[in-house]
């Protein structure tokens, strides 16, 4: 762990300490995902497709293409690779037999990898919150997710009018 991410035990924890810990968490998660990808012998697009199935099951090939930033042919190639290894399966949509949906296959890696470890720690943190604290945490996570998922005109940083906002 980088030295600037240590928080003295038992001492006061500043907002800056929390920010550094969150940054370190993101870095650690990326490193763990890289190890997990290598363990499963997947490329980045393949692992991202599997991670999408953890949050959206089933998913349409079109949504998968959009999420991965691939063409229809590119996402078909990803699905072919994953399906050949039994990680995903394609089947007809329940409500519209003309549509295809993708779901976990027989060899789908359920409940494994760095995501599971992160979920265990978040569960432990949430268990320590009261009802209103959980509601506030859920709202902050929802807002952060929406903001991160929203298309941005400038990826270089926050817009000038956002830089002076106080942090709550």
C-alpha atoms as a PDB file:
ATOM      1  CA  UNK A   1       0.000   0.000   0.000  1.00  0.00           C
ATOM      2  CA  UNK A   2       1.448   3.420  -0.862  1.00  0.00           C
ATOM      3  CA  UNK A   3       2.617   5.319   2.179  1.00  0.00           C
ATOM      4  CA  UNK A   4       0.169   8.197   1.704  1.00  0.00           C
ATOM      5  CA  UNK A   5      -2.794   5.801   1.912  1.00  0.00           C
ATOM      6  CA  UNK A   6      -2.122   4.752   5.528  1.00  0.00           C
ATOM      7  CA  UNK A   7      -4.464   6.119   8.151  1.00  0.00           C
ATOM      8  CA  UNK A   8      -3.099   6.103  11.694  1.00  0.00           C
ATOM      9  CA  UNK A   9      -5.018   3.528  13.770  1.00  0.00           C
ATOM     10  CA  UNK A  10      -7.229   5.102  16.396  1.00  0.00           C
ATOM     11  CA  UNK A  11      -6.460   8.624  15.238  1.00  0.00           C
ATOM     12  CA  UNK A  12      -8.780  11.099  13.604  1.00  0.00           C
ATOM     13  CA  UNK A  13      -9.571  10.390   9.959  1.00  0.00           C
ATOM     14  CA  UNK A  14      -9.750  13.381   7.650  1.00  0.00           C
ATOM     15  CA  UNK A  15     -11.707  13.715   4.416  1.00  0.00           C
ATOM     16  CA  UNK A  16      -8.348  13.703   2.622  1.00  0.00           C
ATOM     17  CA  UNK A  17      -7.516  10.374   4.260  1.00  0.00           C
ATOM     18  CA  UNK A  18     -10.793   8.932   2.960  1.00  0.00           C
ATOM     19  CA  UNK A  19     -10.123  10.293  -0.553  1.00  0.00           C
ATOM     20  CA  UNK A  20      -6.649   8.716  -0.602  1.00  0.00           C
ATOM     21  CA  UNK A  21      -8.073   5.412   0.614  1.00  0.00           C
ATOM     22  CA  UNK A  22     -10.756   5.455  -2.097  1.00  0.00           C
ATOM     23  CA  UNK A  23      -8.097   6.212  -4.740  1.00  0.00           C
ATOM     24  CA  UNK A  24      -6.003   3.346  -3.418  1.00  0.00           C
ATOM     25  CA  UNK A  25      -9.071   1.081  -3.422  1.00  0.00           C
ATOM     26  CA  UNK A  26      -9.665   1.884  -7.101  1.00  0.00           C
ATOM     27  CA  UNK A  27      -6.029   1.164  -7.954  1.00  0.00           C
ATOM     28  CA  UNK A  28      -6.042  -2.070  -5.948  1.00  0.00           C
ATOM     29  CA  UNK A  29      -9.259  -3.173  -7.640  1.00  0.00           C
ATOM     30  CA  UNK A  30      -7.758  -2.533 -11.092  1.00  0.00           C
ATOM     31  CA  UNK A  31      -4.682  -4.579 -10.181  1.00  0.00           C
ATOM     32  CA  UNK A  32      -6.852  -7.398  -8.823  1.00  0.00           C
ATOM     33  CA  UNK A  33      -8.997  -7.349 -11.984  1.00  0.00           C
ATOM     34  CA  UNK A  34      -5.820  -7.679 -14.074  1.00  0.00           C
ATOM     35  CA  UNK A  35      -4.778 -10.746 -12.068  1.00  0.00           C
ATOM     36  CA  UNK A  36      -8.296 -12.200 -12.326  1.00  0.00           C
ATOM     37  CA  UNK A  37      -8.380 -11.598 -16.090  1.00  0.00           C
ATOM     38  CA  UNK A  38      -5.048 -13.438 -16.446  1.00  0.00           C
ATOM     39  CA  UNK A  39      -6.262 -16.298 -14.234  1.00  0.00           C
ATOM     40  CA  UNK A  40      -9.348 -16.765 -16.424  1.00  0.00           C
ATOM     41  CA  UNK A  41      -7.269 -16.214 -19.588  1.00  0.00           C
ATOM     42  CA  UNK A  42      -9.571 -13.445 -20.808  1.00  0.00           C
ATOM     43  CA  UNK A  43      -8.951 -10.171 -22.541  1.00  0.00           C
ATOM     44  CA  UNK A  44     -10.317  -6.867 -21.263  1.00  0.00           C
ATOM     45  CA  UNK A  45     -13.511  -6.906 -23.361  1.00  0.00           C
ATOM     46  CA  UNK A  46     -14.317 -10.462 -22.334  1.00  0.00           C
ATOM     47  CA  UNK A  47     -13.959  -9.701 -18.623  1.00  0.00           C
ATOM     48  CA  UNK A  48     -15.959  -6.487 -18.961  1.00  0.00           C
ATOM     49  CA  UNK A  49     -18.738  -8.492 -20.637  1.00  0.00           C
ATOM     50  CA  UNK A  50     -18.773 -10.989 -17.756  1.00  0.00           C
ATOM     51  CA  UNK A  51     -18.834  -8.144 -15.235  1.00  0.00           C
ATOM     52  CA  UNK A  52     -21.827  -6.639 -17.050  1.00  0.00           C
ATOM     53  CA  UNK A  53     -23.688  -9.914 -16.569  1.00  0.00           C
ATOM     54  CA  UNK A  54     -23.116  -9.568 -12.816  1.00  0.00           C
ATOM     55  CA  UNK A  55     -25.295  -6.448 -12.831  1.00  0.00           C
ATOM     56  CA  UNK A  56     -27.632  -7.091 -15.770  1.00  0.00           C
ATOM     57  CA  UNK A  57     -28.815 -10.641 -16.316  1.00  0.00           C
ATOM     58  CA  UNK A  58     -29.930 -11.249 -18.985  1.00  0.00           C
ATOM     59  CA  UNK A  59     -28.503  -8.594 -21.287  1.00  0.00           C
ATOM     60  CA  UNK A  60     -29.129  -7.992 -24.964  1.00  0.00           C
ATOM     61  CA  UNK A  61     -26.235  -8.127 -27.424  1.00  0.00           C
ATOM     62  CA  UNK A  62     -27.027  -4.490 -28.309  1.00  0.00           C
ATOM     63  CA  UNK A  63     -26.617  -3.311 -24.706  1.00  0.00           C
ATOM     64  CA  UNK A  64     -23.428  -5.347 -24.508  1.00  0.00           C
ATOM     65  CA  UNK A  65     -22.106  -3.641 -27.668  1.00  0.00           C
ATOM     66  CA  UNK A  66     -22.933  -0.226 -26.233  1.00  0.00           C
ATOM     67  CA  UNK A  67     -21.345  -0.979 -22.847  1.00  0.00           C
ATOM     68  CA  UNK A  68     -18.170  -2.377 -24.398  1.00  0.00           C
ATOM     69  CA  UNK A  69     -17.944   0.339 -27.056  1.00  0.00           C
ATOM     70  CA  UNK A  70     -17.823  -2.277 -29.807  1.00  0.00           C
ATOM     71  CA  UNK A  71     -19.572  -2.722 -33.104  1.00  0.00           C
ATOM     72  CA  UNK A  72     -22.199  -5.412 -33.479  1.00  0.00           C
ATOM     73  CA  UNK A  73     -19.593  -7.646 -35.140  1.00  0.00           C
ATOM     74  CA  UNK A  74     -17.104  -6.949 -32.327  1.00  0.00           C
ATOM     75  CA  UNK A  75     -19.550  -7.899 -29.599  1.00  0.00           C
ATOM     76  CA  UNK A  76     -20.495 -11.040 -31.550  1.00  0.00           C
ATOM     77  CA  UNK A  77     -16.810 -12.025 -31.512  1.00  0.00           C
ATOM     78  CA  UNK A  78     -16.667 -11.465 -27.726  1.00  0.00           C
ATOM     79  CA  UNK A  79     -19.816 -13.543 -27.235  1.00  0.00           C
ATOM     80  CA  UNK A  80     -18.497 -16.320 -29.491  1.00  0.00           C
ATOM     81  CA  UNK A  81     -15.293 -16.553 -27.407  1.00  0.00           C
ATOM     82  CA  UNK A  82     -17.174 -16.543 -24.098  1.00  0.00           C
ATOM     83  CA  UNK A  83     -19.809 -18.996 -25.313  1.00  0.00           C
ATOM     84  CA  UNK A  84     -17.166 -21.434 -26.609  1.00  0.00           C
ATOM     85  CA  UNK A  85     -15.751 -21.617 -23.059  1.00  0.00           C
ATOM     86  CA  UNK A  86     -19.185 -21.965 -21.460  1.00  0.00           C
ATOM     87  CA  UNK A  87     -19.020 -18.584 -19.699  1.00  0.00           C
ATOM     88  CA  UNK A  88     -22.184 -17.267 -21.385  1.00  0.00           C
ATOM     89  CA  UNK A  89     -25.162 -18.659 -23.245  1.00  0.00           C
ATOM     90  CA  UNK A  90     -27.398 -17.019 -25.808  1.00  0.00           C
ATOM     91  CA  UNK A  91     -31.081 -17.791 -25.896  1.00  0.00           C
ATOM     92  CA  UNK A  92     -34.355 -16.347 -27.137  1.00  0.00           C
ATOM     93  CA  UNK A  93     -35.911 -13.499 -25.136  1.00  0.00           C
ATOM     94  CA  UNK A  94     -38.852 -14.685 -23.006  1.00  0.00           C
ATOM     95  CA  UNK A  95     -41.212 -11.983 -24.287  1.00  0.00           C
ATOM     96  CA  UNK A  96     -40.049 -11.722 -27.909  1.00  0.00           C
ATOM     97  CA  UNK A  97     -38.721 -14.904 -29.497  1.00  0.00           C
ATOM     98  CA  UNK A  98     -37.142 -12.852 -32.331  1.00  0.00           C
ATOM     99  CA  UNK A  99     -34.702 -11.242 -29.881  1.00  0.00           C
ATOM    100  CA  UNK A 100     -31.647 -12.856 -28.361  1.00  0.00           C
ATOM    101  CA  UNK A 101     -30.425 -12.330 -24.815  1.00  0.00           C
ATOM    102  CA  UNK A 102     -27.190 -13.330 -23.143  1.00  0.00           C
ATOM    103  CA  UNK A 103     -26.966 -14.899 -19.712  1.00  0.00           C
ATOM    104  CA  UNK A 104     -24.457 -16.828 -17.630  1.00  0.00           C
ATOM    105  CA  UNK A 105     -23.350 -20.159 -19.075  1.00  0.00           C
ATOM    106  CA  UNK A 106     -22.512 -23.432 -17.347  1.00  0.00           C
ATOM    107  CA  UNK A 107     -18.928 -22.302 -16.599  1.00  0.00           C
ATOM    108  CA  UNK A 108     -19.770 -18.723 -15.639  1.00  0.00           C
ATOM    109  CA  UNK A 109     -17.434 -17.673 -12.792  1.00  0.00           C
ATOM    110  CA  UNK A 110     -20.044 -16.942 -10.106  1.00  0.00           C
ATOM    111  CA  UNK A 111     -19.060 -15.224  -6.864  1.00  0.00           C
ATOM    112  CA  UNK A 112     -15.342 -15.124  -7.496  1.00  0.00           C
ATOM    113  CA  UNK A 113     -12.654 -12.611  -8.218  1.00  0.00           C
ATOM    114  CA  UNK A 114     -11.860  -9.215  -6.775  1.00  0.00           C
ATOM    115  CA  UNK A 115     -15.472  -8.081  -6.997  1.00  0.00           C
ATOM    116  CA  UNK A 116     -16.485 -10.604  -4.357  1.00  0.00           C
ATOM    117  CA  UNK A 117     -13.826  -9.397  -1.927  1.00  0.00           C
ATOM    118  CA  UNK A 118     -14.935  -5.806  -2.447  1.00  0.00           C
ATOM    119  CA  UNK A 119     -18.570  -6.786  -1.853  1.00  0.00           C
ATOM    120  CA  UNK A 120     -17.658  -8.512   1.421  1.00  0.00           C
ATOM    121  CA  UNK A 121     -15.958  -5.362   2.713  1.00  0.00           C
ATOM    122  CA  UNK A 122     -18.835  -3.139   1.589  1.00  0.00           C
ATOM    123  CA  UNK A 123     -21.270  -5.492   3.288  1.00  0.00           C
ATOM    124  CA  UNK A 124     -19.262  -5.233   6.511  1.00  0.00           C
ATOM    125  CA  UNK A 125     -19.273  -1.438   6.250  1.00  0.00           C
ATOM    126  CA  UNK A 126     -23.027  -1.303   5.587  1.00  0.00           C
ATOM    127  CA  UNK A 127     -23.741  -3.586   8.548  1.00  0.00           C
ATOM    128  CA  UNK A 128     -22.237  -0.870  10.774  1.00  0.00           C
ATOM    129  CA  UNK A 129     -24.593   1.832   9.449  1.00  0.00           C
ATOM    130  CA  UNK A 130     -28.071   2.528  10.761  1.00  0.00           C
ATOM    131  CA  UNK A 131     -31.070   2.746   8.411  1.00  0.00           C
ATOM    132  CA  UNK A 132     -30.668   6.450   7.524  1.00  0.00           C
ATOM    133  CA  UNK A 133     -26.912   5.966   7.084  1.00  0.00           C
ATOM    134  CA  UNK A 134     -27.524   3.098   4.656  1.00  0.00           C
ATOM    135  CA  UNK A 135     -30.050   5.177   2.742  1.00  0.00           C
ATOM    136  CA  UNK A 136     -27.577   8.061   2.454  1.00  0.00           C
ATOM    137  CA  UNK A 137     -24.767   5.695   1.378  1.00  0.00           C
ATOM    138  CA  UNK A 138     -27.062   4.115  -1.229  1.00  0.00           C
ATOM    139  CA  UNK A 139     -28.007   7.532  -2.605  1.00  0.00           C
ATOM    140  CA  UNK A 140     -24.360   8.642  -2.807  1.00  0.00           C
ATOM    141  CA  UNK A 141     -23.411   5.411  -4.589  1.00  0.00           C
ATOM    142  CA  UNK A 142     -26.323   5.838  -7.025  1.00  0.00           C
ATOM    143  CA  UNK A 143     -25.327   9.427  -7.778  1.00  0.00           C
ATOM    144  CA  UNK A 144     -21.663   8.521  -8.235  1.00  0.00           C
ATOM    145  CA  UNK A 145     -22.587   5.636 -10.547  1.00  0.00           C
ATOM    146  CA  UNK A 146     -24.844   7.829 -12.659  1.00  0.00           C
ATOM    147  CA  UNK A 147     -22.219  10.542 -12.945  1.00  0.00           C
ATOM    148  CA  UNK A 148     -19.480   8.081 -13.884  1.00  0.00           C
ATOM    149  CA  UNK A 149     -21.728   6.365 -16.444  1.00  0.00           C
ATOM    150  CA  UNK A 150     -22.906   9.607 -18.050  1.00  0.00           C
ATOM    151  CA  UNK A 151     -21.157  10.638 -21.260  1.00  0.00           C
ATOM    152  CA  UNK A 152     -18.759  13.494 -20.625  1.00  0.00           C
ATOM    153  CA  UNK A 153     -17.785  16.242 -23.062  1.00  0.00           C
ATOM    154  CA  UNK A 154     -14.364  16.630 -21.472  1.00  0.00           C
ATOM    155  CA  UNK A 155     -12.556  13.738 -19.819  1.00  0.00           C
ATOM    156  CA  UNK A 156      -9.659  15.931 -18.651  1.00  0.00           C
ATOM    157  CA  UNK A 157     -11.316  16.923 -15.385  1.00  0.00           C
ATOM    158  CA  UNK A 158     -14.254  18.714 -13.816  1.00  0.00           C
ATOM    159  CA  UNK A 159     -15.715  21.753 -15.498  1.00  0.00           C
ATOM    160  CA  UNK A 160     -14.412  25.047 -14.051  1.00  0.00           C
ATOM    161  CA  UNK A 161     -17.701  25.801 -12.319  1.00  0.00           C
ATOM    162  CA  UNK A 162     -17.447  22.480 -10.436  1.00  0.00           C
ATOM    163  CA  UNK A 163     -13.972  22.998  -8.976  1.00  0.00           C
ATOM    164  CA  UNK A 164     -15.062  25.354  -6.188  1.00  0.00           C
ATOM    165  CA  UNK A 165     -17.918  23.216  -4.878  1.00  0.00           C
ATOM    166  CA  UNK A 166     -17.527  22.306  -1.218  1.00  0.00           C
ATOM    167  CA  UNK A 167     -17.220  18.607  -0.439  1.00  0.00           C
ATOM    168  CA  UNK A 168     -19.865  17.278   1.934  1.00  0.00           C
END
